[in-house]
C-alpha atoms as a PDB file:
ATOM      1  CA  MET A   1      27.103 -16.402 -56.061  1.00  0.00           C
ATOM      2  CA  THR A   2      24.013 -17.004 -53.933  1.00  0.00           C
ATOM      3  CA  PRO A   3      21.131 -14.662 -54.862  1.00  0.00           C
ATOM      4  CA  GLY A   4      19.807 -12.244 -52.306  1.00  0.00           C
ATOM      5  CA  ILE A   5      21.020  -9.672 -49.862  1.00  0.00           C
ATOM      6  CA  THR A   6      24.635  -9.866 -48.656  1.00  0.00           C
ATOM      7  CA  VAL A   7      24.786  -6.640 -46.615  1.00  0.00           C
ATOM      8  CA  ILE A   8      21.924  -5.023 -44.709  1.00  0.00           C
ATOM      9  CA  PHE A   9      21.641  -1.685 -42.886  1.00  0.00           C
ATOM     10  CA  PHE A  10      19.261  -1.268 -39.944  1.00  0.00           C
ATOM     11  CA  SER A  11      18.267   2.333 -39.241  1.00  0.00           C
ATOM     12  CA  LEU A  12      17.114   2.619 -35.629  1.00  0.00           C
ATOM     13  CA  GLN A  13      15.092   5.827 -36.169  1.00  0.00           C
ATOM     14  CA  ARG A  14      16.591   7.729 -33.242  1.00  0.00           C
ATOM     15  CA  PHE A  15      15.780  11.217 -34.506  1.00  0.00           C
ATOM     16  CA  ASN A  16      12.482  12.825 -33.519  1.00  0.00           C
ATOM     17  CA  ARG A  17      11.786  15.497 -36.113  1.00  0.00           C
ATOM     18  CA  PHE A  18       8.978  17.038 -34.063  1.00  0.00           C
ATOM     19  CA  SER A  19      10.970  17.703 -30.876  1.00  0.00           C
ATOM     20  CA  ASN A  20      14.389  18.188 -32.533  1.00  0.00           C
ATOM     21  CA  SER A  21      15.934  15.513 -30.321  1.00  0.00           C
ATOM     22  CA  ILE A  22      17.332  11.992 -30.269  1.00  0.00           C
ATOM     23  CA  ASN A  23      15.482   9.124 -28.608  1.00  0.00           C
ATOM     24  CA  ASN A  24      17.959   7.762 -26.045  1.00  0.00           C
ATOM     25  CA  LEU A  25      16.140   4.545 -25.146  1.00  0.00           C
ATOM     26  CA  GLU A  26      18.550   1.654 -24.638  1.00  0.00           C
ATOM     27  CA  VAL A  27      18.741  -0.726 -27.582  1.00  0.00           C
ATOM     28  CA  LYS A  28      20.235  -4.174 -27.142  1.00  0.00           C
ATOM     29  CA  PHE A  29      21.439  -6.165 -30.125  1.00  0.00           C
ATOM     30  CA  GLU A  30      23.466  -9.294 -30.643  1.00  0.00           C
ATOM     31  CA  ASP A  31      26.547 -10.039 -32.712  1.00  0.00           C
ATOM     32  CA  ILE A  32      24.355 -12.336 -34.858  1.00  0.00           C
ATOM     33  CA  ILE A  33      20.946 -11.124 -36.064  1.00  0.00           C
ATOM     34  CA  ASP A  34      18.584 -13.854 -37.300  1.00  0.00           C
ATOM     35  CA  LEU A  35      15.849 -12.599 -39.623  1.00  0.00           C
ATOM     36  CA  SER A  36      14.626 -16.105 -40.549  1.00  0.00           C
ATOM     37  CA  PRO A  37      11.428 -15.884 -38.434  1.00  0.00           C
ATOM     38  CA  PHE A  38      10.436 -12.730 -40.356  1.00  0.00           C
ATOM     39  CA  MET A  39      11.175 -13.938 -43.904  1.00  0.00           C
ATOM     40  CA  VAL A  40       9.118 -15.745 -46.527  1.00  0.00           C
ATOM     41  CA  ASN A  41      11.200 -18.580 -47.955  1.00  0.00           C
ATOM     42  CA  LEU A  42      10.730 -18.134 -51.726  1.00  0.00           C
ATOM     43  CA  LEU A  43      14.265 -19.094 -52.777  1.00  0.00           C
ATOM     44  CA  GLY A  44      14.686 -22.235 -50.680  1.00  0.00           C
ATOM     45  CA  VAL A  45      17.116 -20.501 -48.327  1.00  0.00           C
ATOM     46  CA  ASN A  46      16.736 -21.886 -44.814  1.00  0.00           C
ATOM     47  CA  SER A  47      18.863 -19.334 -42.988  1.00  0.00           C
ATOM     48  CA  CYS A  48      18.737 -15.574 -42.990  1.00  0.00           C
ATOM     49  CA  LYS A  49      21.405 -14.770 -40.417  1.00  0.00           C
ATOM     50  CA  PHE A  50      23.575 -11.679 -40.445  1.00  0.00           C
ATOM     51  CA  SER A  51      26.783 -10.928 -38.561  1.00  0.00           C
ATOM     52  CA  LEU A  52      27.144  -7.458 -37.058  1.00  0.00           C
ATOM     53  CA  LYS A  53      30.044  -5.678 -38.799  1.00  0.00           C
ATOM     54  CA  GLY A  54      29.572  -2.011 -37.953  1.00  0.00           C
ATOM     55  CA  ILE A  55      27.708   0.438 -35.766  1.00  0.00           C
ATOM     56  CA  VAL A  56      27.160   4.162 -36.319  1.00  0.00           C
ATOM     57  CA  ASN A  57      26.583   6.038 -33.051  1.00  0.00           C
ATOM     58  CA  CYS A  58      25.298   9.561 -32.568  1.00  0.00           C
ATOM     59  CA  LYS A  59      24.783  11.988 -29.676  1.00  0.00           C
ATOM     60  CA  GLY A  60      23.178  15.402 -29.999  1.00  0.00           C
ATOM     61  CA  ASP A  61      20.178  16.765 -31.885  1.00  0.00           C
ATOM     62  CA  PHE A  62      19.285  18.051 -35.369  1.00  0.00           C
ATOM     63  CA  GLU A  63      21.303  21.229 -34.991  1.00  0.00           C
ATOM     64  CA  GLU A  64      24.493  19.827 -33.472  1.00  0.00           C
ATOM     65  CA  GLY A  65      25.916  16.533 -32.374  1.00  0.00           C
ATOM     66  CA  HIS A  66      28.672  14.025 -32.809  1.00  0.00           C
ATOM     67  CA  CYS A  67      28.756  10.749 -34.716  1.00  0.00           C
ATOM     68  CA  TRP A  68      31.341   7.985 -34.573  1.00  0.00           C
ATOM     69  CA  SER A  69      31.594   4.418 -35.773  1.00  0.00           C
ATOM     70  CA  VAL A  70      32.642   1.028 -34.492  1.00  0.00           C
ATOM     71  CA  ILE A  71      33.762  -1.504 -37.105  1.00  0.00           C
ATOM     72  CA  LYS A  72      34.708  -5.165 -36.882  1.00  0.00           C
ATOM     73  CA  ILE A  73      38.006  -5.708 -38.714  1.00  0.00           C
ATOM     74  CA  ASN A  74      39.405  -9.251 -38.883  1.00  0.00           C
ATOM     75  CA  GLY A  75      37.349 -10.209 -35.821  1.00  0.00           C
ATOM     76  CA  VAL A  76      38.506  -7.212 -33.733  1.00  0.00           C
ATOM     77  CA  TRP A  77      36.145  -4.349 -32.877  1.00  0.00           C
ATOM     78  CA  CYS A  78      37.676  -0.886 -33.421  1.00  0.00           C
ATOM     79  CA  GLU A  79      36.208   2.517 -32.596  1.00  0.00           C
ATOM     80  CA  PHE A  80      36.741   5.358 -35.068  1.00  0.00           C
ATOM     81  CA  ASN A  81      36.065   8.630 -33.238  1.00  0.00           C
ATOM     82  CA  ASP A  82      37.541  11.598 -35.080  1.00  0.00           C
ATOM     83  CA  LEU A  83      41.317  11.131 -34.878  1.00  0.00           C
ATOM     84  CA  ILE A  84      41.104   8.458 -32.161  1.00  0.00           C
ATOM     85  CA  ILE A  85      41.152   4.814 -33.269  1.00  0.00           C
ATOM     86  CA  ARG A  86      41.158   2.116 -30.599  1.00  0.00           C
ATOM     87  CA  LYS A  87      40.169  -1.489 -29.967  1.00  0.00           C
ATOM     88  CA  LYS A  88      36.849  -1.987 -28.172  1.00  0.00           C
ATOM     89  CA  ASP A  89      34.879  -4.759 -26.482  1.00  0.00           C
ATOM     90  CA  ILE A  90      31.497  -5.698 -28.042  1.00  0.00           C
ATOM     91  CA  ILE A  91      29.769  -5.218 -24.657  1.00  0.00           C
ATOM     92  CA  ASP A  92      30.442  -1.469 -24.964  1.00  0.00           C
ATOM     93  CA  PHE A  93      28.271  -1.265 -28.071  1.00  0.00           C
ATOM     94  CA  GLN A  94      24.975  -2.271 -26.499  1.00  0.00           C
ATOM     95  CA  ASN A  95      23.893   1.192 -25.460  1.00  0.00           C
ATOM     96  CA  SER A  96      21.616   4.070 -26.311  1.00  0.00           C
ATOM     97  CA  THR A  97      23.695   5.818 -28.986  1.00  0.00           C
ATOM     98  CA  ALA A  98      23.448   3.406 -31.955  1.00  0.00           C
ATOM     99  CA  VAL A  99      21.615   4.820 -34.992  1.00  0.00           C
ATOM    100  CA  ILE A 100      22.687   2.405 -37.753  1.00  0.00           C
ATOM    101  CA  LEU A 101      23.709  -1.267 -37.627  1.00  0.00           C
ATOM    102  CA  VAL A 102      25.630  -2.705 -40.600  1.00  0.00           C
ATOM    103  CA  CYS A 103      25.411  -6.501 -40.980  1.00  0.00           C
ATOM    104  CA  GLU A 104      26.799  -9.045 -43.443  1.00  0.00           C
ATOM    105  CA  LYS A 105      25.030 -12.280 -44.417  1.00  0.00           C
ATOM    106  CA  ILE A 106      26.603 -15.426 -42.998  1.00  0.00           C
END
């Protein structure tokens, strides 16, 4: 097995603890996230690319809100929102509700 990180979580810091609200600025992200330009190559690894596998979304504030997830299963994006599970298009996920991105090393 190759040493290093295989799964990475990006927390987008949406919650503002001082105003008890969520920052709703639009965040755009790609299906492939390349961290190579930000890494020091100590292990001789030339690529540090990650494939987006899951997104946790949230609307609301500290006192109340709603969270749901979107997960890539066998190449198909599915939304898990309470009892509703449905296929989704990746374009729908580039919005202002993402709070966590889950990525797998490729």
